[in-house]
Amino acid sequence: MHGYIKTGNSQPAWLFPFVVIVVLILSVLPLARLAMVGIAAFANGGVMTVLGEASLWSATYYTVITAILGTVISLVIGCLFAFLLTLTDIRAKGPLSFFFVLPMMIPPQVTALAWVQMSGPSSPLLKALHIAPPLGSPQPLYSVGGIALLYGVQHAPLVYLALRAGLMTLPRDGVEAARLSGASSLRVFRDIILPLSLPGVIAGAAISFVSCTGNFGIPAILGIPASIFTLPTLIFTKFSAFTSRTFGDVAVLSAIIAVISVVGLMIQDRALRGRDYRVIGLSGASAAFELGAWRFAFTPLVWAILFFMLAAPFFALLAGALVPAYGVPLTFKTMSLHAFEKILFRQAVTRTAFINSLSLAGATALCLLVVTVLAAYALTRRKDVVSRIVSSLIEVPYSLPGIVMAVSFILVFAAPIPILHVSLYGTIWIILIAYFSSFFAVSLKPVVSAFHQLDPALEEAARLSGAGFFRRLADIIVPLIAPAAGASVILVFLIACNELTISALLWSAGTQTLGVAIYNLDDSGSSDLASALSVLVVLMVVVLMLLLELLAKRLPKGVVPWRG
C-alpha cells in the first residue's frame, strides 16, 4: 500500500496533487493575472479613463442588446425543435436532431460569411436565381438585427440540448394519468409539460446569452463594416492599435464581459431558486404526443427551418466560392474551381493555417486526453469538497467567453517566463496552452461519464492480485473507456479546429489558424477564397460529426449531443 492514499480507492499519492497543479496552471493562474491587471488599472486611474470612453458604452449596449435579441430567437427555434423532437411522433428524429445541432459545430465566422453570401444585392446565388435585391440596396445583415438573427441560429442548438435533457425526465405516469382523466393534449402540455420544462428553458436561455456575449466571429464580420462594435470586437480593435494602455484597457473590457456573463447566470439561478422541480415516478420521453393531422404542418415547418439555417447558406457559400469575385452571378461561364485550387495548392497562408489548426487541434485533443483520464480517475474516486471545487474550476474557462481567456493568457505570457527566460507570447505555444485551458472541460465530460459506468470491482480485483496503478490503467480501465476517450478526442478536435475567438488575439505571423485565415481573407476582400476555405471547413465538420455518430452506440448517454 506504500505510495497510495488509504481511502479505499487505491489512488497513487501523487495523482490528486498532480490534477490540482494542472487546474491551478490552466484555470486559476490566467484569471488571477487578469484580476491583478484590472486592479492595477483601477489603482492607477486607468479604469476611469476607459469608463469615460463613449466607445465602451456603445459596445456594452450593442453587446447586451444583440445578446438579448439573439437569446430570444434561439429560445423560439430551440424550444420548437426540443418539444417536437422529444415529445411527439414526428418522423426522422435522428436526422433532424443531427442537422439541427450542426450550426453549433460550425465556426461563427463561417455562419456569418455564408449568410452574407445568401443575402443582399451582391449575392452570387440570388443573382443566379434572378431574385437579388436591386444594386445599391443595403446588406440587411450589417445591422443589430442581422447580428441577433445569426446569434439565434448559432445558439438555438444550445437551447435545444438544455431543454431536451429536462424533457427526457418528464413523469410518464403523470402525463398518462392526466390523459386518462380526460385532459386534452393542449391541457397536458400547458399544465404539466410546460411548468416542468421551465428549468431547461431557463438553463438554455442562460447558456445562449453567455455564448452571445462572448461571440466574436459573427459581430466581427457583420458588425465592423457597419461600425457596430460589441465588447469582443472592441477588444480586438484595441489590440490592433496597440499602445501602452492596451493591456489595462482590455483587462477592464474583459472584466465587463465576464460580469455581463455572470449576471446572466445569476438571473438563471434567481429564476430557479425556491422552486422544486423534482419528478417522482417513472420518467421518459415515451410520453409522446401523437401529431395526427398536425404532422402535415409541423414536418414541412421543421425541414423548412433547417433549409434556411443550413442548406441555403451552404449553397450560397459554395456559389461564392465558385465565382471569381463577390457580386458576380453564378453561371456556367463564371463557374470555376480556381478558388479551391488556390486555397489548397497556391496559398502559403492557407496551407499554414490548415497545418496549424490540425496540429493544434490534434495536440490539444490527445494531450488533454492523457490528463483527463488521470483527472477523471482522481475526481470520480474522491467524494469530498476539494474534488468538487477542482471540478468546478475545470469548468470555469470553458464557461467564460473565449475573448476573456485569450486576454488572460496574453497577460500571463506577455513577459518571459521567470527562471526559464522563455517567451511564449507570439508563438504557437500560447495558443496551445489557451486551448488546453478552454477545452479541458469538453475533454473531461465523456471520460467522467465512462468512469461512472465502470464497475470498481474489476480494478479492485486486479489491485489485490498485485497489479500497479499504470498496469491497471493500461489493462482494465483504458480498454473499457476507449469509446468515450475516442469521442472526447473527436469533440475536442472538432471544436479546437474551428476556433476563432481565442486565436484571433493570440496569433502572429506564421501561427494563423483556419478561423483567423477565413476572417482575414474576407476582411481583405478575397471573399471567393474565404468562401472556398469555409466550404472545406464545413465538410470537415460534417465528416467528424459522422464519425461521432458511428461511435455513438458504444458511448455513455449524453456524450454525443444530438442523440437521445
Protein backbone atom coordinates (compact mmCIF):
# COMPACT_ATOMS: atom_id res chain seq x y z
CA MET A 1 0.00 0.00 0.00
CA HIS A 2 3.09 2.24 0.06
CA GLY A 3 2.60 5.35 -2.10
CA TYR A 4 -1.22 5.11 -2.16
CA ILE A 5 -3.87 7.12 -0.35
CA LYS A 6 -5.59 4.95 2.22
CA THR A 7 -9.16 5.84 1.36
CA GLY A 8 -10.27 2.55 -0.12
CA ASN A 9 -9.85 3.85 -3.66
CA SER A 10 -6.16 2.91 -4.16
CA GLN A 11 -5.24 6.24 -5.71
CA PRO A 12 -1.49 6.91 -6.01
CA ALA A 13 -0.49 9.63 -3.56
CA TRP A 14 0.77 11.89 -6.36
CA LEU A 15 -2.36 11.72 -8.55
CA PHE A 16 -4.73 14.23 -6.96
CA PRO A 17 -1.98 16.83 -6.28
CA PHE A 18 -0.97 16.50 -9.96
CA VAL A 19 -4.56 17.24 -11.05
CA VAL A 20 -4.73 20.22 -8.65
CA ILE A 21 -1.47 21.68 -10.06
CA VAL A 22 -2.75 21.33 -13.65
CA VAL A 23 -6.01 23.08 -12.72
CA LEU A 24 -4.14 25.87 -10.93
CA ILE A 25 -2.00 26.50 -14.03
CA LEU A 26 -4.82 26.26 -16.60
CA SER A 27 -7.70 27.86 -14.69
CA VAL A 28 -6.62 29.84 -11.64
CA LEU A 29 -3.36 31.46 -12.85
CA PRO A 30 -4.70 33.21 -16.00
CA LEU A 31 -7.84 34.51 -14.32
CA ALA A 32 -5.88 35.66 -11.26
CA ARG A 33 -3.49 37.53 -13.58
CA LEU A 34 -6.45 39.19 -15.33
CA ALA A 35 -7.84 40.25 -11.96
CA MET A 36 -4.45 41.67 -10.88
CA VAL A 37 -4.05 43.77 -14.04
CA GLY A 38 -7.65 45.00 -13.67
CA ILE A 39 -6.99 46.00 -10.04
CA ALA A 40 -3.73 47.74 -11.07
CA ALA A 41 -5.60 49.65 -13.79
CA PHE A 42 -8.18 50.68 -11.18
CA ALA A 43 -5.47 51.85 -8.77
CA ASN A 44 -3.71 53.89 -11.48
CA GLY A 45 -6.91 55.58 -12.61
CA GLY A 46 -6.96 53.70 -15.90
CA VAL A 47 -10.43 52.35 -15.21
CA MET A 48 -11.94 55.83 -15.08
CA THR A 49 -10.29 56.67 -18.43
CA VAL A 50 -11.81 53.55 -20.03
CA LEU A 51 -15.19 54.17 -18.41
CA GLY A 52 -15.16 57.69 -19.82
CA GLU A 53 -14.89 56.50 -23.42
CA ALA A 54 -18.08 56.63 -25.47
CA SER A 55 -16.93 53.54 -27.42
CA LEU A 56 -17.12 51.42 -24.24
CA TRP A 57 -20.75 52.31 -23.52
CA SER A 58 -21.72 51.92 -27.17
CA ALA A 59 -20.05 48.47 -27.31
CA THR A 60 -21.66 47.45 -24.00
CA TYR A 61 -25.09 48.48 -25.31
CA TYR A 62 -24.63 46.56 -28.57
CA THR A 63 -23.27 43.53 -26.66
CA VAL A 64 -26.27 43.37 -24.33
CA ILE A 65 -28.98 44.19 -26.89
CA THR A 66 -27.72 41.72 -29.52
CA ALA A 67 -27.26 39.05 -26.82
CA ILE A 68 -30.83 39.54 -25.52
CA LEU A 69 -32.38 39.52 -29.01
CA GLY A 70 -30.22 36.56 -30.06
CA THR A 71 -31.27 34.66 -26.94
CA VAL A 72 -34.97 35.28 -27.70
CA ILE A 73 -34.53 33.97 -31.27
CA SER A 74 -32.57 30.94 -30.07
CA LEU A 75 -35.30 30.20 -27.49
CA VAL A 76 -38.07 30.26 -30.10
CA ILE A 77 -36.23 27.95 -32.52
CA GLY A 78 -34.60 25.73 -29.89
CA CYS A 79 -37.79 25.16 -27.87
CA LEU A 80 -39.80 24.34 -31.02
CA PHE A 81 -37.30 21.63 -32.04
CA ALA A 82 -36.89 20.31 -28.48
CA PHE A 83 -40.63 19.85 -27.94
CA LEU A 84 -41.28 18.38 -31.39
CA LEU A 85 -38.29 16.02 -31.49
CA THR A 86 -38.59 14.85 -27.88
CA LEU A 87 -42.32 14.68 -27.16
CA THR A 88 -44.04 13.99 -30.48
CA ASP A 89 -44.11 11.16 -33.01
CA ILE A 90 -42.63 13.33 -35.77
CA ARG A 91 -40.64 11.22 -38.23
CA ALA A 92 -36.87 11.23 -38.93
CA LYS A 93 -35.96 12.42 -35.42
CA GLY A 94 -32.36 11.20 -35.75
CA PRO A 95 -31.51 13.12 -38.95
CA LEU A 96 -33.45 16.18 -37.75
CA SER A 97 -31.50 16.27 -34.48
CA PHE A 98 -28.17 15.74 -36.27
CA PHE A 99 -28.79 18.56 -38.74
CA PHE A 100 -30.19 20.91 -36.09
CA VAL A 101 -27.06 20.61 -33.88
CA LEU A 102 -24.74 21.14 -36.88
CA PRO A 103 -24.81 25.02 -36.79
CA MET A 104 -23.41 24.90 -33.25
CA MET A 105 -20.36 22.98 -34.55
CA ILE A 106 -19.73 25.33 -37.49
CA PRO A 107 -17.44 28.31 -36.75
CA PRO A 108 -19.46 31.53 -36.25
CA GLN A 109 -17.44 33.44 -38.85
CA VAL A 110 -18.33 30.75 -41.42
CA THR A 111 -22.01 31.10 -40.48
CA ALA A 112 -21.80 34.89 -40.90
CA LEU A 113 -19.95 34.63 -44.22
CA ALA A 114 -22.48 32.09 -45.56
CA TRP A 115 -25.44 34.31 -44.68
CA VAL A 116 -23.76 37.37 -46.24
CA GLN A 117 -23.31 35.34 -49.44
CA MET A 118 -27.00 34.34 -49.23
CA SER A 119 -28.46 37.84 -48.84
CA GLY A 120 -28.09 41.34 -50.20
CA PRO A 121 -27.80 42.74 -53.72
CA SER A 122 -24.40 41.15 -54.47
CA SER A 123 -25.28 37.55 -53.55
CA PRO A 124 -24.00 35.26 -56.36
CA LEU A 125 -26.73 32.73 -55.54
CA LEU A 126 -29.60 35.25 -55.54
CA LYS A 127 -28.26 36.77 -58.78
CA ALA A 128 -28.16 33.33 -60.39
CA LEU A 129 -31.80 32.81 -59.33
CA HIS A 130 -32.70 36.36 -60.51
CA ILE A 131 -34.15 37.27 -57.11
CA ALA A 132 -31.36 39.56 -55.83
CA PRO A 133 -32.43 42.97 -54.49
CA PRO A 134 -31.59 45.94 -56.76
CA LEU A 135 -27.97 47.13 -56.76
CA GLY A 136 -27.39 49.81 -54.16
CA SER A 137 -29.76 48.16 -51.65
CA PRO A 138 -28.20 47.86 -48.17
CA GLN A 139 -26.93 44.50 -46.91
CA PRO A 140 -29.62 43.74 -44.28
CA LEU A 141 -27.32 41.62 -42.13
CA TYR A 142 -24.94 44.52 -41.40
CA SER A 143 -27.15 45.59 -38.51
CA VAL A 144 -28.10 44.83 -34.92
CA GLY A 145 -30.96 42.68 -36.21
CA GLY A 146 -28.62 40.76 -38.52
CA ILE A 147 -26.17 40.02 -35.70
CA ALA A 148 -29.02 38.95 -33.38
CA LEU A 149 -30.55 36.70 -36.06
CA LEU A 150 -27.29 34.82 -36.57
CA TYR A 151 -26.73 34.58 -32.81
CA GLY A 152 -30.14 32.92 -32.65
CA VAL A 153 -29.29 30.46 -35.45
CA GLN A 154 -25.85 29.67 -33.96
CA HIS A 155 -27.05 29.14 -30.39
CA ALA A 156 -30.53 27.60 -30.87
CA PRO A 157 -28.92 24.11 -30.60
CA LEU A 158 -27.68 25.03 -27.10
CA VAL A 159 -31.28 25.74 -26.02
CA TYR A 160 -32.41 22.53 -27.74
CA LEU A 161 -29.86 20.40 -25.87
CA ALA A 162 -30.53 22.01 -22.48
CA LEU A 163 -34.30 21.70 -22.81
CA ARG A 164 -34.25 18.18 -24.23
CA ALA A 165 -32.22 16.92 -21.26
CA GLY A 166 -35.09 18.02 -18.99
CA LEU A 167 -37.84 16.71 -21.27
CA MET A 168 -36.25 13.24 -21.23
CA THR A 169 -37.01 13.02 -17.47
CA LEU A 170 -40.67 14.07 -17.59
CA PRO A 171 -43.08 11.97 -15.47
CA ARG A 172 -44.56 9.44 -17.86
CA ASP A 173 -47.12 8.20 -15.34
CA GLY A 174 -48.27 11.78 -14.55
CA VAL A 175 -48.91 12.50 -18.22
CA GLU A 176 -50.77 9.20 -18.66
CA ALA A 177 -52.90 9.88 -15.55
CA ALA A 178 -53.88 13.30 -16.90
CA ARG A 179 -54.89 11.78 -20.21
CA LEU A 180 -56.97 9.08 -18.52
CA SER A 181 -58.74 11.85 -16.62
CA GLY A 182 -59.84 13.30 -19.94
CA ALA A 183 -57.32 16.15 -20.25
CA SER A 184 -56.65 17.26 -23.82
CA SER A 185 -53.13 17.26 -25.25
CA LEU A 186 -53.08 21.06 -25.05
CA ARG A 187 -54.12 20.96 -21.38
CA VAL A 188 -51.45 18.33 -20.57
CA PHE A 189 -48.82 20.42 -22.33
CA ARG A 190 -49.87 23.64 -20.59
CA ASP A 191 -50.39 22.29 -17.05
CA ILE A 192 -47.74 19.52 -16.82
CA ILE A 193 -45.13 19.69 -19.58
CA LEU A 194 -44.56 23.46 -19.69
CA PRO A 195 -44.08 24.06 -15.92
CA LEU A 196 -41.71 21.07 -15.59
CA SER A 197 -39.70 22.10 -18.64
CA LEU A 198 -39.07 25.60 -17.25
CA PRO A 199 -35.63 24.74 -15.75
CA GLY A 200 -34.42 23.52 -19.16
CA VAL A 201 -35.75 26.65 -20.87
CA ILE A 202 -34.07 28.94 -18.33
CA ALA A 203 -30.78 26.98 -18.49
CA GLY A 204 -30.84 27.12 -22.29
CA ALA A 205 -31.51 30.86 -22.22
CA ALA A 206 -28.60 31.45 -19.82
CA ILE A 207 -26.16 29.37 -21.91
CA SER A 208 -27.30 31.11 -25.09
CA PHE A 209 -26.95 34.58 -23.53
CA VAL A 210 -23.40 33.90 -22.29
CA SER A 211 -22.43 32.46 -25.69
CA CYS A 212 -23.87 35.50 -27.49
CA THR A 213 -21.99 37.84 -25.14
CA GLY A 214 -18.63 36.26 -25.96
CA ASN A 215 -19.19 35.64 -29.68
CA PHE A 216 -16.52 37.25 -31.85
CA GLY A 217 -16.91 35.78 -35.35
CA ILE A 218 -20.45 36.99 -36.09
CA PRO A 219 -20.13 40.65 -34.92
CA ALA A 220 -16.64 40.84 -36.50
CA ILE A 221 -17.99 40.04 -39.98
CA LEU A 222 -21.43 41.70 -39.67
CA GLY A 223 -20.80 44.49 -37.18
CA ILE A 224 -17.43 46.03 -38.02
CA PRO A 225 -18.44 47.01 -41.63
CA ALA A 226 -21.44 48.85 -40.14
CA SER A 227 -19.39 50.38 -37.27
CA ILE A 228 -21.35 48.28 -34.77
CA PHE A 229 -18.82 47.16 -32.15
CA THR A 230 -19.51 44.68 -29.37
CA LEU A 231 -17.11 44.26 -26.45
CA PRO A 232 -15.21 41.32 -28.06
CA THR A 233 -14.70 43.23 -31.33
CA LEU A 234 -13.74 46.39 -29.38
CA ILE A 235 -11.03 44.38 -27.58
CA PHE A 236 -9.84 43.09 -30.96
CA THR A 237 -9.57 46.62 -32.40
CA LYS A 238 -7.72 47.86 -29.29
CA PHE A 239 -5.13 45.10 -29.75
CA SER A 240 -4.84 46.03 -33.42
CA ALA A 241 -3.96 49.61 -32.40
CA PHE A 242 -1.56 48.62 -29.62
CA THR A 243 -0.49 51.35 -27.16
CA SER A 244 1.00 51.48 -23.67
CA ARG A 245 -2.54 51.49 -22.24
CA THR A 246 -3.77 48.46 -24.17
CA PHE A 247 -3.22 45.78 -21.50
CA GLY A 248 -5.02 47.74 -18.81
CA ASP A 249 -7.87 48.70 -21.15
CA VAL A 250 -8.52 45.15 -22.39
CA ALA A 251 -8.34 43.80 -18.83
CA VAL A 252 -11.15 46.19 -17.87
CA LEU A 253 -13.18 45.33 -21.01
CA SER A 254 -12.70 41.60 -20.37
CA ALA A 255 -13.88 42.07 -16.80
CA ILE A 256 -17.04 43.81 -18.09
CA ILE A 257 -17.75 40.85 -20.45
CA ALA A 258 -17.21 38.44 -17.55
CA VAL A 259 -19.57 40.50 -15.34
CA ILE A 260 -22.30 40.52 -18.03
CA SER A 261 -21.92 36.73 -18.41
CA VAL A 262 -22.05 36.19 -14.63
CA VAL A 263 -25.14 38.44 -14.34
CA GLY A 264 -26.85 36.26 -16.97
CA LEU A 265 -26.03 33.12 -14.97
CA MET A 266 -27.15 34.80 -11.71
CA ILE A 267 -30.52 35.65 -13.30
CA GLN A 268 -30.83 31.97 -14.22
CA ASP A 269 -30.04 30.96 -10.63
CA ARG A 270 -32.51 33.54 -9.27
CA ALA A 271 -35.26 32.32 -11.60
CA LEU A 272 -34.87 28.74 -10.38
CA ARG A 273 -34.30 29.47 -6.69
CA GLY A 274 -37.06 28.38 -4.37
CA ARG A 275 -38.74 26.20 -6.97
CA ASP A 276 -38.89 22.43 -6.54
CA TYR A 277 -38.78 20.60 -9.86
CA ARG A 278 -38.12 17.09 -8.59
CA VAL A 279 -40.01 14.44 -10.52
CA ILE A 280 -41.49 11.42 -8.77
CA GLY A 281 -42.42 8.27 -10.64
CA LEU A 282 -41.48 6.80 -13.98
CA SER A 283 -39.78 9.18 -16.37
CA GLY A 284 -39.02 9.10 -20.03
CA ALA A 285 -39.84 10.80 -23.29
CA SER A 286 -42.01 7.90 -24.41
CA ALA A 287 -44.89 10.02 -23.10
CA ALA A 288 -45.16 11.40 -26.62
CA PHE A 289 -47.99 13.33 -28.24
CA GLU A 290 -49.38 11.99 -31.48
CA LEU A 291 -49.38 14.79 -34.03
CA GLY A 292 -52.06 13.26 -36.23
CA ALA A 293 -53.05 15.71 -38.95
CA TRP A 294 -50.73 18.34 -37.41
CA ARG A 295 -47.80 16.30 -38.79
CA PHE A 296 -48.54 17.78 -42.22
CA ALA A 297 -47.97 21.25 -40.77
CA PHE A 298 -45.02 20.64 -38.41
CA THR A 299 -42.92 18.31 -40.59
CA PRO A 300 -42.60 20.79 -43.51
CA LEU A 301 -42.04 23.59 -40.95
CA VAL A 302 -39.01 21.98 -39.26
CA TRP A 303 -37.45 20.95 -42.59
CA ALA A 304 -38.02 24.47 -43.94
CA ILE A 305 -36.28 25.98 -40.88
CA LEU A 306 -33.35 23.59 -41.36
CA PHE A 307 -33.20 24.51 -45.05
CA PHE A 308 -32.80 28.21 -44.24
CA MET A 309 -30.44 27.53 -41.30
CA LEU A 310 -28.16 25.09 -43.16
CA ALA A 311 -28.79 24.21 -46.79
CA ALA A 312 -29.42 27.67 -48.26
CA PRO A 313 -26.40 29.30 -46.53
CA PHE A 314 -24.15 26.39 -47.57
CA PHE A 315 -25.23 26.60 -51.21
CA ALA A 316 -24.67 30.36 -51.08
CA LEU A 317 -21.20 29.77 -49.63
CA LEU A 318 -20.47 27.25 -52.38
CA ALA A 319 -21.74 29.70 -55.01
CA GLY A 320 -19.47 32.39 -53.55
CA ALA A 321 -16.50 30.00 -53.83
CA LEU A 322 -17.26 29.12 -57.46
CA VAL A 323 -17.35 32.69 -58.82
CA PRO A 324 -14.24 34.85 -59.38
CA ALA A 325 -15.42 37.72 -57.16
CA TYR A 326 -18.23 38.67 -54.80
CA GLY A 327 -21.16 40.09 -56.76
CA VAL A 328 -20.57 38.04 -59.92
CA PRO A 329 -23.66 35.88 -60.68
CA LEU A 330 -23.11 32.12 -60.75
CA THR A 331 -23.45 30.81 -64.32
CA PHE A 332 -21.80 28.02 -66.30
CA LYS A 333 -19.47 30.65 -67.78
CA THR A 334 -18.40 32.20 -64.45
CA MET A 335 -18.23 28.91 -62.52
CA SER A 336 -14.71 27.64 -61.72
CA LEU A 337 -12.75 25.72 -59.07
CA HIS A 338 -9.99 28.32 -59.15
CA ALA A 339 -10.58 29.42 -55.54
CA PHE A 340 -10.33 25.84 -54.22
CA GLU A 341 -7.16 25.26 -56.26
CA LYS A 342 -5.62 28.46 -54.92
CA ILE A 343 -6.59 27.65 -51.32
CA LEU A 344 -5.24 24.10 -51.42
CA PHE A 345 -2.17 24.42 -53.64
CA ARG A 346 -1.05 28.02 -54.13
CA GLN A 347 -1.76 30.00 -50.96
CA ALA A 348 1.04 29.51 -48.43
CA VAL A 349 -1.04 31.27 -45.76
CA THR A 350 -3.98 28.86 -46.04
CA ARG A 351 -1.67 25.84 -46.12
CA THR A 352 -0.04 27.14 -42.94
CA ALA A 353 -3.49 27.72 -41.40
CA PHE A 354 -4.54 24.15 -42.21
CA ILE A 355 -1.34 22.74 -40.70
CA ASN A 356 -1.59 24.96 -37.62
CA SER A 357 -5.27 24.21 -36.96
CA LEU A 358 -4.94 20.47 -37.49
CA SER A 359 -1.75 20.33 -35.38
CA LEU A 360 -3.18 22.46 -32.57
CA ALA A 361 -6.48 20.57 -32.53
CA GLY A 362 -4.75 17.17 -32.63
CA ALA A 363 -2.22 18.08 -29.92
CA THR A 364 -4.97 19.60 -27.73
CA ALA A 365 -7.24 16.57 -28.08
CA LEU A 366 -4.53 13.95 -27.45
CA CYS A 367 -2.61 15.75 -24.69
CA LEU A 368 -5.81 16.65 -22.86
CA LEU A 369 -6.98 13.05 -23.11
CA VAL A 370 -3.95 11.87 -21.11
CA VAL A 371 -4.64 14.49 -18.43
CA THR A 372 -8.41 13.94 -18.39
CA VAL A 373 -8.11 10.16 -17.93
CA LEU A 374 -6.00 10.81 -14.81
CA ALA A 375 -8.27 13.67 -13.69
CA ALA A 376 -11.43 11.61 -14.21
CA TYR A 377 -9.93 8.74 -12.21
CA ALA A 378 -8.99 11.07 -9.33
CA LEU A 379 -12.25 13.04 -9.28
CA THR A 380 -14.62 10.05 -9.56
CA ARG A 381 -12.80 8.15 -6.79
CA ARG A 382 -12.98 11.08 -4.36
CA LYS A 383 -16.26 12.40 -2.96
CA ASP A 384 -15.03 15.32 -0.85
CA VAL A 385 -15.47 19.09 -1.09
CA VAL A 386 -11.99 19.67 -2.54
CA SER A 387 -12.69 17.42 -5.54
CA ARG A 388 -15.94 19.29 -6.20
CA ILE A 389 -14.09 22.62 -6.10
CA VAL A 390 -11.46 21.27 -8.54
CA SER A 391 -14.24 20.04 -10.87
CA SER A 392 -15.85 23.50 -10.79
CA LEU A 393 -12.54 25.22 -11.55
CA ILE A 394 -12.10 23.00 -14.63
CA GLU A 395 -15.49 24.22 -15.92
CA VAL A 396 -14.77 27.95 -15.46
CA PRO A 397 -12.55 28.63 -18.54
CA TYR A 398 -15.00 26.87 -20.88
CA SER A 399 -17.98 28.75 -19.46
CA LEU A 400 -16.28 32.15 -19.82
CA PRO A 401 -16.17 33.89 -23.23
CA GLY A 402 -13.10 32.89 -25.25
CA ILE A 403 -12.00 36.53 -25.58
CA VAL A 404 -11.63 36.73 -21.77
CA MET A 405 -9.40 33.63 -21.70
CA ALA A 406 -7.32 34.94 -24.62
CA VAL A 407 -6.68 38.23 -22.81
CA SER A 408 -5.85 36.33 -19.60
CA PHE A 409 -3.17 34.25 -21.32
CA ILE A 410 -1.71 37.31 -23.08
CA LEU A 411 -1.30 38.92 -19.65
CA VAL A 412 0.31 35.77 -18.22
CA PHE A 413 2.81 35.31 -21.05
CA ALA A 414 3.38 38.91 -22.23
CA ALA A 415 6.69 38.83 -20.33
CA PRO A 416 9.22 35.95 -20.49
CA ILE A 417 8.60 33.08 -18.06
CA PRO A 418 10.61 33.66 -14.85
CA ILE A 419 13.71 31.47 -14.30
CA LEU A 420 13.36 29.88 -17.79
CA HIS A 421 13.54 33.29 -19.53
CA VAL A 422 11.48 31.89 -22.42
CA SER A 423 8.78 33.99 -24.09
CA LEU A 424 5.66 32.22 -25.34
CA TYR A 425 3.89 35.38 -26.49
CA GLY A 426 3.67 35.48 -30.28
CA THR A 427 4.35 31.74 -30.63
CA ILE A 428 2.02 28.85 -31.38
CA TRP A 429 2.59 27.51 -27.85
CA ILE A 430 0.50 30.24 -26.20
CA ILE A 431 -2.46 29.23 -28.41
CA LEU A 432 -1.95 25.57 -27.44
CA ILE A 433 -1.91 26.32 -23.70
CA ALA A 434 -5.02 28.53 -24.05
CA TYR A 435 -6.74 25.65 -25.88
CA PHE A 436 -5.78 23.29 -23.04
CA SER A 437 -7.47 25.64 -20.59
CA SER A 438 -10.61 26.34 -22.62
CA PHE A 439 -11.31 22.75 -23.77
CA PHE A 440 -10.32 20.82 -20.63
CA ALA A 441 -13.98 20.59 -19.57
CA VAL A 442 -15.03 19.36 -23.05
CA SER A 443 -12.42 16.59 -22.92
CA LEU A 444 -13.29 15.61 -19.35
CA LYS A 445 -17.07 15.16 -19.65
CA PRO A 446 -17.20 11.98 -21.82
CA VAL A 447 -14.39 10.34 -19.82
CA VAL A 448 -16.07 11.09 -16.47
CA SER A 449 -19.34 9.63 -17.83
CA ALA A 450 -17.48 6.45 -18.77
CA PHE A 451 -15.79 6.21 -15.33
CA HIS A 452 -19.18 6.46 -13.60
CA GLN A 453 -20.31 3.38 -15.53
CA LEU A 454 -17.25 1.26 -14.61
CA ASP A 455 -17.60 -1.49 -12.04
CA PRO A 456 -14.88 -0.77 -9.42
CA ALA A 457 -14.74 -4.48 -8.55
CA LEU A 458 -12.73 -5.19 -11.72
CA GLU A 459 -9.96 -2.80 -10.76
CA GLU A 460 -10.07 -3.86 -7.11
CA ALA A 461 -9.54 -7.49 -8.11
CA ALA A 462 -6.52 -6.51 -10.22
CA ARG A 463 -5.11 -4.45 -7.35
CA LEU A 464 -5.46 -7.33 -4.91
CA SER A 465 -3.64 -9.50 -7.44
CA GLY A 466 -0.68 -7.13 -7.25
CA ALA A 467 -1.22 -5.01 -10.37
CA GLY A 468 0.17 -1.48 -10.04
CA PHE A 469 -1.70 1.70 -10.95
CA PHE A 470 -0.38 2.06 -14.50
CA ARG A 471 -0.84 -1.69 -15.15
CA ARG A 472 -4.50 -1.44 -14.06
CA LEU A 473 -4.89 1.68 -16.17
CA ALA A 474 -3.48 0.02 -19.30
CA ASP A 475 -5.08 -3.43 -18.97
CA ILE A 476 -8.51 -2.66 -17.47
CA ILE A 477 -9.52 1.00 -17.38
CA VAL A 478 -8.34 2.32 -20.76
CA PRO A 479 -9.87 -0.56 -22.82
CA LEU A 480 -13.23 -0.08 -21.05
CA ILE A 481 -13.35 3.70 -21.53
CA ALA A 482 -11.89 3.60 -25.07
CA PRO A 483 -15.14 4.57 -26.89
CA ALA A 484 -15.66 7.58 -24.59
CA ALA A 485 -11.99 8.50 -24.99
CA GLY A 486 -12.42 8.39 -28.77
CA ALA A 487 -15.48 10.63 -28.53
CA SER A 488 -13.54 13.04 -26.28
CA VAL A 489 -10.74 13.29 -28.86
CA ILE A 490 -13.16 13.92 -31.75
CA LEU A 491 -15.22 16.51 -29.81
CA VAL A 492 -12.16 18.50 -28.73
CA PHE A 493 -10.59 18.22 -32.20
CA LEU A 494 -13.83 19.42 -33.80
CA ILE A 495 -14.19 22.46 -31.53
CA ALA A 496 -10.49 23.40 -31.47
CA CYS A 497 -10.04 23.06 -35.23
CA ASN A 498 -12.78 25.64 -35.89
CA GLU A 499 -11.96 28.02 -33.05
CA LEU A 500 -11.57 31.75 -33.79
CA THR A 501 -12.14 33.86 -30.68
CA ILE A 502 -9.02 32.76 -28.77
CA SER A 503 -6.67 32.59 -31.74
CA ALA A 504 -7.91 35.95 -33.12
CA LEU A 505 -6.00 37.68 -30.31
CA LEU A 506 -3.13 35.21 -29.85
CA TRP A 507 -1.99 34.60 -33.44
CA SER A 508 1.04 36.18 -35.06
CA ALA A 509 2.77 35.76 -38.44
CA GLY A 510 3.08 32.04 -39.13
CA THR A 511 0.64 30.93 -36.41
CA GLN A 512 -2.65 31.68 -38.21
CA THR A 513 -5.44 29.16 -37.67
CA LEU A 514 -8.28 28.33 -40.07
CA GLY A 515 -10.64 30.68 -38.24
CA VAL A 516 -8.17 33.54 -38.45
CA ALA A 517 -7.42 32.78 -42.13
CA ILE A 518 -11.13 32.88 -43.06
CA TYR A 519 -11.64 36.17 -41.23
CA ASN A 520 -8.52 37.77 -42.74
CA LEU A 521 -9.39 36.63 -46.30
CA ASP A 522 -12.88 38.09 -46.01
CA ASP A 523 -11.58 41.27 -44.39
CA SER A 524 -9.09 41.79 -47.25
CA GLY A 525 -11.83 41.43 -49.90
CA SER A 526 -10.96 37.88 -51.06
CA SER A 527 -14.49 36.59 -50.46
CA ASP A 528 -14.11 33.79 -53.03
CA LEU A 529 -11.09 32.38 -51.18
CA ALA A 530 -12.78 32.86 -47.77
CA SER A 531 -15.87 31.04 -49.08
CA ALA A 532 -13.81 28.17 -50.54
CA LEU A 533 -11.94 27.69 -47.26
CA SER A 534 -15.25 27.85 -45.35
CA VAL A 535 -16.80 25.16 -47.59
CA LEU A 536 -13.84 22.86 -46.80
CA VAL A 537 -14.21 23.56 -43.06
CA VAL A 538 -17.96 22.75 -43.14
CA LEU A 539 -17.27 19.46 -44.95
CA MET A 540 -14.62 18.59 -42.34
CA VAL A 541 -17.12 19.31 -39.52
CA VAL A 542 -19.74 17.04 -41.11
CA VAL A 543 -17.21 14.20 -41.54
CA LEU A 544 -16.12 14.45 -37.89
CA MET A 545 -19.73 14.51 -36.70
CA LEU A 546 -20.49 11.41 -38.78
CA LEU A 547 -17.51 9.69 -37.12
CA LEU A 548 -19.06 10.51 -33.73
CA GLU A 549 -22.37 9.17 -34.99
CA LEU A 550 -20.69 5.86 -35.86
CA LEU A 551 -19.20 5.68 -32.35
CA ALA A 552 -22.47 6.65 -30.66
CA LYS A 553 -23.82 3.16 -29.91
CA ARG A 554 -20.73 2.32 -27.85
CA LEU A 555 -20.73 5.54 -25.82
CA PRO A 556 -22.33 6.54 -22.49
CA LYS A 557 -25.55 8.55 -22.81
CA GLY A 558 -25.08 12.26 -23.33
CA VAL A 559 -21.62 12.09 -24.92
CA VAL A 560 -22.90 12.59 -28.47
CA PRO A 561 -25.01 15.76 -28.08
CA TRP A 562 -27.61 15.19 -30.80
CA ARG A 563 -28.53 11.63 -29.81
CA GLY A 564 -31.06 10.66 -27.15
